[in-house]
Amino acid sequence: MKAKVHVTLKRAVLDPQGKAIAHALNALGFPEVTGARQGKVIELELADLPPGEADARLDAMCRALLANPVIEDYRIERGT
């Protein structure tokens, strides 16, 4: 089974890297960019598990290592 975990900073947390991206895009001639937020995508390959167990295990992985729930949000996409 494959899964993707999308991790982003919470909206209330300042994102200096996102601000730098928006500024750089403006400087490169893309004035329509008014803001940017950056994040990360983690692709995982897992042994087959029942759907409910897979969801619980992926959530536990996010809370233990992949995301900092205090300042980051995460979204899990499960594939086949």
PDB file of N, CA and C in Angstrom:
ATOM      1  N   MET A   1       0.841  -1.162   0.000  1.00  0.00           N
ATOM      2  CA  MET A   1       0.000   0.000   0.000  1.00  0.00           C
ATOM      3  C   MET A   1       0.897   1.239   0.000  1.00  0.00           C
ATOM      4  N   LYS A   2       0.459   2.268  -0.694  1.00  0.00           N
ATOM      5  CA  LYS A   2       1.189   3.530  -0.725  1.00  0.00           C
ATOM      6  C   LYS A   2       0.362   4.600  -0.032  1.00  0.00           C
ATOM      7  N   ALA A   3       1.063   5.543   0.578  1.00  0.00           N
ATOM      8  CA  ALA A   3       0.396   6.666   1.225  1.00  0.00           C
ATOM      9  C   ALA A   3       1.254   7.904   1.037  1.00  0.00           C
ATOM     10  N   LYS A   4       0.587   9.053   0.944  1.00  0.00           N
ATOM     11  CA  LYS A   4       1.267  10.343   0.904  1.00  0.00           C
ATOM     12  C   LYS A   4       0.805  11.145   2.101  1.00  0.00           C
ATOM     13  N   VAL A   5       1.758  11.760   2.775  1.00  0.00           N
ATOM     14  CA  VAL A   5       1.452  12.630   3.909  1.00  0.00           C
ATOM     15  C   VAL A   5       1.853  14.042   3.506  1.00  0.00           C
ATOM     16  N   HIS A   6       0.890  14.961   3.519  1.00  0.00           N
ATOM     17  CA  HIS A   6       1.131  16.366   3.194  1.00  0.00           C
ATOM     18  C   HIS A   6       1.202  17.125   4.518  1.00  0.00           C
ATOM     19  N   VAL A   7       2.336  17.769   4.769  1.00  0.00           N
ATOM     20  CA  VAL A   7       2.546  18.490   6.019  1.00  0.00           C
ATOM     21  C   VAL A   7       2.731  19.976   5.706  1.00  0.00           C
ATOM     22  N   THR A   8       1.957  20.827   6.359  1.00  0.00           N
ATOM     23  CA  THR A   8       2.072  22.277   6.183  1.00  0.00           C
ATOM     24  C   THR A   8       2.006  22.963   7.537  1.00  0.00           C
ATOM     25  N   LEU A   9       2.567  24.161   7.594  1.00  0.00           N
ATOM     26  CA  LEU A   9       2.458  24.944   8.819  1.00  0.00           C
ATOM     27  C   LEU A   9       1.012  25.377   9.015  1.00  0.00           C
ATOM     28  N   LYS A  10       0.589  25.444  10.262  1.00  0.00           N
ATOM     29  CA  LYS A  10      -0.755  25.952  10.544  1.00  0.00           C
ATOM     30  C   LYS A  10      -0.830  27.405  10.107  1.00  0.00           C
ATOM     31  N   ARG A  11      -2.023  27.850   9.743  1.00  0.00           N
ATOM     32  CA  ARG A  11      -2.221  29.218   9.248  1.00  0.00           C
ATOM     33  C   ARG A  11      -1.741  30.273  10.248  1.00  0.00           C
ATOM     34  N   ALA A  12      -1.853  29.994  11.537  1.00  0.00           N
ATOM     35  CA  ALA A  12      -1.464  30.976  12.554  1.00  0.00           C
ATOM     36  C   ALA A  12       0.053  31.087  12.718  1.00  0.00           C
ATOM     37  N   VAL A  13       0.810  30.153  12.127  1.00  0.00           N
ATOM     38  CA  VAL A  13       2.268  30.139  12.265  1.00  0.00           C
ATOM     39  C   VAL A  13       2.888  30.882  11.082  1.00  0.00           C
ATOM     40  N   LEU A  14       3.802  31.797  11.381  1.00  0.00           N
ATOM     41  CA  LEU A  14       4.495  32.531  10.325  1.00  0.00           C
ATOM     42  C   LEU A  14       5.296  31.564   9.457  1.00  0.00           C
ATOM     43  N   ASP A  15       5.340  31.857   8.153  1.00  0.00           N
ATOM     44  CA  ASP A  15       6.039  30.997   7.194  1.00  0.00           C
ATOM     45  C   ASP A  15       7.053  31.847   6.416  1.00  0.00           C
ATOM     46  N   PRO A  16       8.240  32.085   7.002  1.00  0.00           N
ATOM     47  CA  PRO A  16       9.215  32.932   6.321  1.00  0.00           C
ATOM     48  C   PRO A  16       9.674  32.368   4.982  1.00  0.00           C
ATOM     49  N   GLN A  17       9.747  31.056   4.855  1.00  0.00           N
ATOM     50  CA  GLN A  17      10.147  30.472   3.577  1.00  0.00           C
ATOM     51  C   GLN A  17       9.070  30.710   2.524  1.00  0.00           C
ATOM     52  N   GLY A  18       7.814  30.586   2.895  1.00  0.00           N
ATOM     53  CA  GLY A  18       6.725  30.881   1.971  1.00  0.00           C
ATOM     54  C   GLY A  18       6.749  32.334   1.533  1.00  0.00           C
ATOM     55  N   LYS A  19       7.035  33.235   2.487  1.00  0.00           N
ATOM     56  CA  LYS A  19       7.126  34.661   2.161  1.00  0.00           C
ATOM     57  C   LYS A  19       8.268  34.915   1.174  1.00  0.00           C
ATOM     58  N   ALA A  20       9.404  34.236   1.375  1.00  0.00           N
ATOM     59  CA  ALA A  20      10.542  34.381   0.462  1.00  0.00           C
ATOM     60  C   ALA A  20      10.203  33.857  -0.931  1.00  0.00           C
ATOM     61  N   ILE A  21       9.444  32.769  -0.998  1.00  0.00           N
ATOM     62  CA  ILE A  21       9.027  32.217  -2.292  1.00  0.00           C
ATOM     63  C   ILE A  21       8.153  33.227  -3.030  1.00  0.00           C
ATOM     64  N   ALA A  22       7.184  33.798  -2.334  1.00  0.00           N
ATOM     65  CA  ALA A  22       6.293  34.781  -2.958  1.00  0.00           C
ATOM     66  C   ALA A  22       7.081  35.996  -3.431  1.00  0.00           C
ATOM     67  N   HIS A  23       8.003  36.468  -2.606  1.00  0.00           N
ATOM     68  CA  HIS A  23       8.818  37.624  -2.974  1.00  0.00           C
ATOM     69  C   HIS A  23       9.665  37.310  -4.211  1.00  0.00           C
ATOM     70  N   ALA A  24      10.285  36.142  -4.246  1.00  0.00           N
ATOM     71  CA  ALA A  24      11.124  35.753  -5.386  1.00  0.00           C
ATOM     72  C   ALA A  24      10.294  35.628  -6.663  1.00  0.00           C
ATOM     73  N   LEU A  25       9.100  35.064  -6.564  1.00  0.00           N
ATOM     74  CA  LEU A  25       8.250  34.951  -7.745  1.00  0.00           C
ATOM     75  C   LEU A  25       7.841  36.332  -8.256  1.00  0.00           C
ATOM     76  N   ASN A  26       7.549  37.246  -7.341  1.00  0.00           N
ATOM     77  CA  ASN A  26       7.247  38.626  -7.748  1.00  0.00           C
ATOM     78  C   ASN A  26       8.439  39.231  -8.484  1.00  0.00           C
ATOM     79  N   ALA A  27       9.632  39.036  -7.948  1.00  0.00           N
ATOM     80  CA  ALA A  27      10.846  39.586  -8.558  1.00  0.00           C
ATOM     81  C   ALA A  27      11.128  38.958  -9.922  1.00  0.00           C
ATOM     82  N   LEU A  28      10.659  37.745 -10.139  1.00  0.00           N
ATOM     83  CA  LEU A  28      10.857  37.059 -11.423  1.00  0.00           C
ATOM     84  C   LEU A  28       9.773  37.398 -12.441  1.00  0.00           C
ATOM     85  N   GLY A  29       8.894  38.328 -12.091  1.00  0.00           N
ATOM     86  CA  GLY A  29       7.890  38.764 -13.049  1.00  0.00           C
ATOM     87  C   GLY A  29       6.530  38.111 -12.898  1.00  0.00           C
ATOM     88  N   PHE A  30       6.223  37.618 -11.711  1.00  0.00           N
ATOM     89  CA  PHE A  30       4.919  37.009 -11.451  1.00  0.00           C
ATOM     90  C   PHE A  30       4.201  37.815 -10.371  1.00  0.00           C
ATOM     91  N   PRO A  31       3.747  39.037 -10.716  1.00  0.00           N
ATOM     92  CA  PRO A  31       3.133  39.906  -9.707  1.00  0.00           C
ATOM     93  C   PRO A  31       1.791  39.394  -9.185  1.00  0.00           C
ATOM     94  N   GLU A  32       1.192  38.436  -9.883  1.00  0.00           N
ATOM     95  CA  GLU A  32      -0.096  37.902  -9.438  1.00  0.00           C
ATOM     96  C   GLU A  32       0.023  37.056  -8.168  1.00  0.00           C
ATOM     97  N   VAL A  33       1.248  36.653  -7.806  1.00  0.00           N
ATOM     98  CA  VAL A  33       1.447  35.875  -6.583  1.00  0.00           C
ATOM     99  C   VAL A  33       1.382  36.836  -5.399  1.00  0.00           C
ATOM    100  N   THR A  34       0.372  36.669  -4.572  1.00  0.00           N
ATOM    101  CA  THR A  34       0.201  37.553  -3.419  1.00  0.00           C
ATOM    102  C   THR A  34       0.586  36.872  -2.108  1.00  0.00           C
ATOM    103  N   GLY A  35       0.875  35.597  -2.155  1.00  0.00           N
ATOM    104  CA  GLY A  35       1.294  34.877  -0.955  1.00  0.00           C
ATOM    105  C   GLY A  35       1.640  33.441  -1.303  1.00  0.00           C
ATOM    106  N   ALA A  36       2.412  32.820  -0.453  1.00  0.00           N
ATOM    107  CA  ALA A  36       2.779  31.411  -0.638  1.00  0.00           C
ATOM    108  C   ALA A  36       3.010  30.782   0.727  1.00  0.00           C
ATOM    109  N   ARG A  37       2.708  29.510   0.829  1.00  0.00           N
ATOM    110  CA  ARG A  37       3.008  28.729   2.026  1.00  0.00           C
ATOM    111  C   ARG A  37       3.698  27.480   1.535  1.00  0.00           C
ATOM    112  N   GLN A  38       4.742  27.095   2.190  1.00  0.00           N
ATOM    113  CA  GLN A  38       5.479  25.915   1.771  1.00  0.00           C
ATOM    114  C   GLN A  38       5.208  24.763   2.732  1.00  0.00           C
ATOM    115  N   GLY A  39       5.473  23.574   2.261  1.00  0.00           N
ATOM    116  CA  GLY A  39       5.269  22.388   3.080  1.00  0.00           C
ATOM    117  C   GLY A  39       6.121  21.254   2.564  1.00  0.00           C
ATOM    118  N   LYS A  40       5.748  20.057   2.933  1.00  0.00           N
ATOM    119  CA  LYS A  40       6.484  18.879   2.474  1.00  0.00           C
ATOM    120  C   LYS A  40       5.510  17.740   2.213  1.00  0.00           C
ATOM    121  N   VAL A  41       5.929  16.851   1.322  1.00  0.00           N
ATOM    122  CA  VAL A  41       5.161  15.647   1.009  1.00  0.00           C
ATOM    123  C   VAL A  41       6.059  14.458   1.292  1.00  0.00           C
ATOM    124  N   ILE A  42       5.545  13.514   2.047  1.00  0.00           N
ATOM    125  CA  ILE A  42       6.291  12.302   2.382  1.00  0.00           C
ATOM    126  C   ILE A  42       5.542  11.127   1.781  1.00  0.00           C
ATOM    127  N   GLU A  43       6.213  10.368   0.913  1.00  0.00           N
ATOM    128  CA  GLU A  43       5.604   9.195   0.293  1.00  0.00           C
ATOM    129  C   GLU A  43       6.074   7.956   1.048  1.00  0.00           C
ATOM    130  N   LEU A  44       5.120   7.139   1.455  1.00  0.00           N
ATOM    131  CA  LEU A  44       5.415   5.929   2.215  1.00  0.00           C
ATOM    132  C   LEU A  44       4.909   4.705   1.476  1.00  0.00           C
ATOM    133  N   GLU A  45       5.649   3.623   1.575  1.00  0.00           N
ATOM    134  CA  GLU A  45       5.176   2.316   1.121  1.00  0.00           C
ATOM    135  C   GLU A  45       5.024   1.452   2.354  1.00  0.00           C
ATOM    136  N   LEU A  46       3.844   0.857   2.498  1.00  0.00           N
ATOM    137  CA  LEU A  46       3.510   0.081   3.687  1.00  0.00           C
ATOM    138  C   LEU A  46       3.060  -1.317   3.307  1.00  0.00           C
ATOM    139  N   ALA A  47       3.264  -2.237   4.227  1.00  0.00           N
ATOM    140  CA  ALA A  47       2.682  -3.567   4.062  1.00  0.00           C
ATOM    141  C   ALA A  47       1.166  -3.406   4.102  1.00  0.00           C
ATOM    142  N   ASP A  48       0.459  -4.294   3.422  1.00  0.00           N
ATOM    143  CA  ASP A  48      -1.009  -4.216   3.406  1.00  0.00           C
ATOM    144  C   ASP A  48      -1.576  -4.394   4.805  1.00  0.00           C
ATOM    145  N   LEU A  49      -2.476  -3.492   5.161  1.00  0.00           N
ATOM    146  CA  LEU A  49      -3.181  -3.537   6.439  1.00  0.00           C
ATOM    147  C   LEU A  49      -4.655  -3.294   6.167  1.00  0.00           C
ATOM    148  N   PRO A  50      -5.529  -3.753   7.050  1.00  0.00           N
ATOM    149  CA  PRO A  50      -6.950  -3.400   6.900  1.00  0.00           C
ATOM    150  C   PRO A  50      -7.086  -1.873   6.927  1.00  0.00           C
ATOM    151  N   PRO A  51      -8.034  -1.311   6.150  1.00  0.00           N
ATOM    152  CA  PRO A  51      -8.154   0.151   6.026  1.00  0.00           C
ATOM    153  C   PRO A  51      -8.186   0.911   7.356  1.00  0.00           C
ATOM    154  N   GLY A  52      -8.970   0.486   8.297  1.00  0.00           N
ATOM    155  CA  GLY A  52      -9.052   1.178   9.583  1.00  0.00           C
ATOM    156  C   GLY A  52      -7.732   1.143  10.329  1.00  0.00           C
ATOM    157  N   GLU A  53      -7.062   0.014  10.302  1.00  0.00           N
ATOM    158  CA  GLU A  53      -5.766  -0.111  10.975  1.00  0.00           C
ATOM    159  C   GLU A  53      -4.708   0.738  10.272  1.00  0.00           C
ATOM    160  N   ALA A  54      -4.747   0.758   8.940  1.00  0.00           N
ATOM    161  CA  ALA A  54      -3.792   1.565   8.171  1.00  0.00           C
ATOM    162  C   ALA A  54      -3.956   3.043   8.524  1.00  0.00           C
ATOM    163  N   ASP A  55      -5.190   3.523   8.596  1.00  0.00           N
ATOM    164  CA  ASP A  55      -5.443   4.920   8.944  1.00  0.00           C
ATOM    165  C   ASP A  55      -4.895   5.236  10.335  1.00  0.00           C
ATOM    166  N   ALA A  56      -5.134   4.354  11.286  1.00  0.00           N
ATOM    167  CA  ALA A  56      -4.665   4.574  12.656  1.00  0.00           C
ATOM    168  C   ALA A  56      -3.142   4.576  12.715  1.00  0.00           C
ATOM    169  N   ARG A  57      -2.510   3.663  11.985  1.00  0.00           N
ATOM    170  CA  ARG A  57      -1.040   3.588  11.987  1.00  0.00           C
ATOM    171  C   ARG A  57      -0.437   4.825  11.329  1.00  0.00           C
ATOM    172  N   LEU A  58      -1.017   5.264  10.218  1.00  0.00           N
ATOM    173  CA  LEU A  58      -0.511   6.453   9.540  1.00  0.00           C
ATOM    174  C   LEU A  58      -0.660   7.688  10.427  1.00  0.00           C
ATOM    175  N   ASP A  59      -1.784   7.808  11.103  1.00  0.00           N
ATOM    176  CA  ASP A  59      -1.989   8.927  12.016  1.00  0.00           C
ATOM    177  C   ASP A  59      -0.952   8.889  13.142  1.00  0.00           C
ATOM    178  N   ALA A  60      -0.676   7.709  13.668  1.00  0.00           N
ATOM    179  CA  ALA A  60       0.327   7.573  14.731  1.00  0.00           C
ATOM    180  C   ALA A  60       1.713   7.962  14.226  1.00  0.00           C
ATOM    181  N   MET A  61       2.043   7.599  12.990  1.00  0.00           N
ATOM    182  CA  MET A  61       3.335   7.973  12.403  1.00  0.00           C
ATOM    183  C   MET A  61       3.463   9.486  12.298  1.00  0.00           C
ATOM    184  N   CYS A  62       2.386  10.129  11.886  1.00  0.00           N
ATOM    185  CA  CYS A  62       2.399  11.591  11.755  1.00  0.00           C
ATOM    186  C   CYS A  62       2.622  12.253  13.101  1.00  0.00           C
ATOM    187  N   ARG A  63       1.906  11.787  14.108  1.00  0.00           N
ATOM    188  CA  ARG A  63       2.015  12.397  15.431  1.00  0.00           C
ATOM    189  C   ARG A  63       3.367  12.113  16.091  1.00  0.00           C
ATOM    190  N   ALA A  64       3.965  10.945  15.788  1.00  0.00           N
ATOM    191  CA  ALA A  64       5.226  10.561  16.414  1.00  0.00           C
ATOM    192  C   ALA A  64       6.444  11.193  15.748  1.00  0.00           C
ATOM    193  N   LEU A  65       6.398  11.381  14.409  1.00  0.00           N
ATOM    194  CA  LEU A  65       7.610  11.803  13.713  1.00  0.00           C
ATOM    195  C   LEU A  65       7.392  12.749  12.538  1.00  0.00           C
ATOM    196  N   LEU A  66       6.416  12.478  11.716  1.00  0.00           N
ATOM    197  CA  LEU A  66       6.318  13.167  10.429  1.00  0.00           C
ATOM    198  C   LEU A  66       5.838  14.603  10.524  1.00  0.00           C
ATOM    199  N   ALA A  67       5.075  14.945  11.549  1.00  0.00           N
ATOM    200  CA  ALA A  67       4.559  16.304  11.703  1.00  0.00           C
ATOM    201  C   ALA A  67       4.631  16.703  13.172  1.00  0.00           C
ATOM    202  N   ASN A  68       4.724  17.986  13.390  1.00  0.00           N
ATOM    203  CA  ASN A  68       4.660  18.527  14.747  1.00  0.00           C
ATOM    204  C   ASN A  68       3.254  19.099  14.918  1.00  0.00           C
ATOM    205  N   PRO A  69       2.356  18.369  15.567  1.00  0.00           N
ATOM    206  CA  PRO A  69       0.960  18.800  15.652  1.00  0.00           C
ATOM    207  C   PRO A  69       0.751  20.155  16.334  1.00  0.00           C
ATOM    208  N   VAL A  70       1.736  20.654  17.037  1.00  0.00           N
ATOM    209  CA  VAL A  70       1.611  21.952  17.685  1.00  0.00           C
ATOM    210  C   VAL A  70       1.623  23.067  16.641  1.00  0.00           C
ATOM    211  N   ILE A  71       2.479  22.934  15.620  1.00  0.00           N
ATOM    212  CA  ILE A  71       2.611  24.019  14.635  1.00  0.00           C
ATOM    213  C   ILE A  71       2.282  23.590  13.204  1.00  0.00           C
ATOM    214  N   GLU A  72       2.041  22.291  12.988  1.00  0.00           N
ATOM    215  CA  GLU A  72       1.802  21.811  11.629  1.00  0.00           C
ATOM    216  C   GLU A  72       0.483  21.054  11.526  1.00  0.00           C
ATOM    217  N   ASP A  73      -0.132  21.162  10.354  1.00  0.00           N
ATOM    218  CA  ASP A  73      -1.278  20.335   9.992  1.00  0.00           C
ATOM    219  C   ASP A  73      -0.780  19.251   9.049  1.00  0.00           C
ATOM    220  N   TYR A  74      -1.485  18.145   9.005  1.00  0.00           N
ATOM    221  CA  TYR A  74      -1.135  17.109   8.035  1.00  0.00           C
ATOM    222  C   TYR A  74      -2.402  16.503   7.455  1.00  0.00           C
ATOM    223  N   ARG A  75      -2.227  16.003   6.246  1.00  0.00           N
ATOM    224  CA  ARG A  75      -3.325  15.347   5.528  1.00  0.00           C
ATOM    225  C   ARG A  75      -2.747  14.072   4.932  1.00  0.00           C
ATOM    226  N   ILE A  76      -3.469  12.979   5.082  1.00  0.00           N
ATOM    227  CA  ILE A  76      -3.015  11.679   4.589  1.00  0.00           C
ATOM    228  C   ILE A  76      -3.831  11.272   3.377  1.00  0.00           C
ATOM    229  N   GLU A  77      -3.133  10.861   2.331  1.00  0.00           N
ATOM    230  CA  GLU A  77      -3.764  10.286   1.118  1.00  0.00           C
ATOM    231  C   GLU A  77      -3.345   8.833   1.060  1.00  0.00           C
ATOM    232  N   ARG A  78      -4.299   7.946   1.111  1.00  0.00           N
ATOM    233  CA  ARG A  78      -3.996   6.528   1.010  1.00  0.00           C
ATOM    234  C   ARG A  78      -4.242   6.057  -0.408  1.00  0.00           C
ATOM    235  N   GLY A  79      -3.299   5.302  -0.961  1.00  0.00           N
ATOM    236  CA  GLY A  79      -3.449   4.724  -2.289  1.00  0.00           C
ATOM    237  C   GLY A  79      -3.449   3.214  -2.201  1.00  0.00           C
ATOM    238  N   THR A  80      -3.208   2.594  -3.346  1.00  0.00           N
ATOM    239  CA  THR A  80      -3.179   1.125  -3.362  1.00  0.00           C
ATOM    240  C   THR A  80      -1.772   0.617  -3.456  1.00  0.00           C
TER     241      THR A  80
END
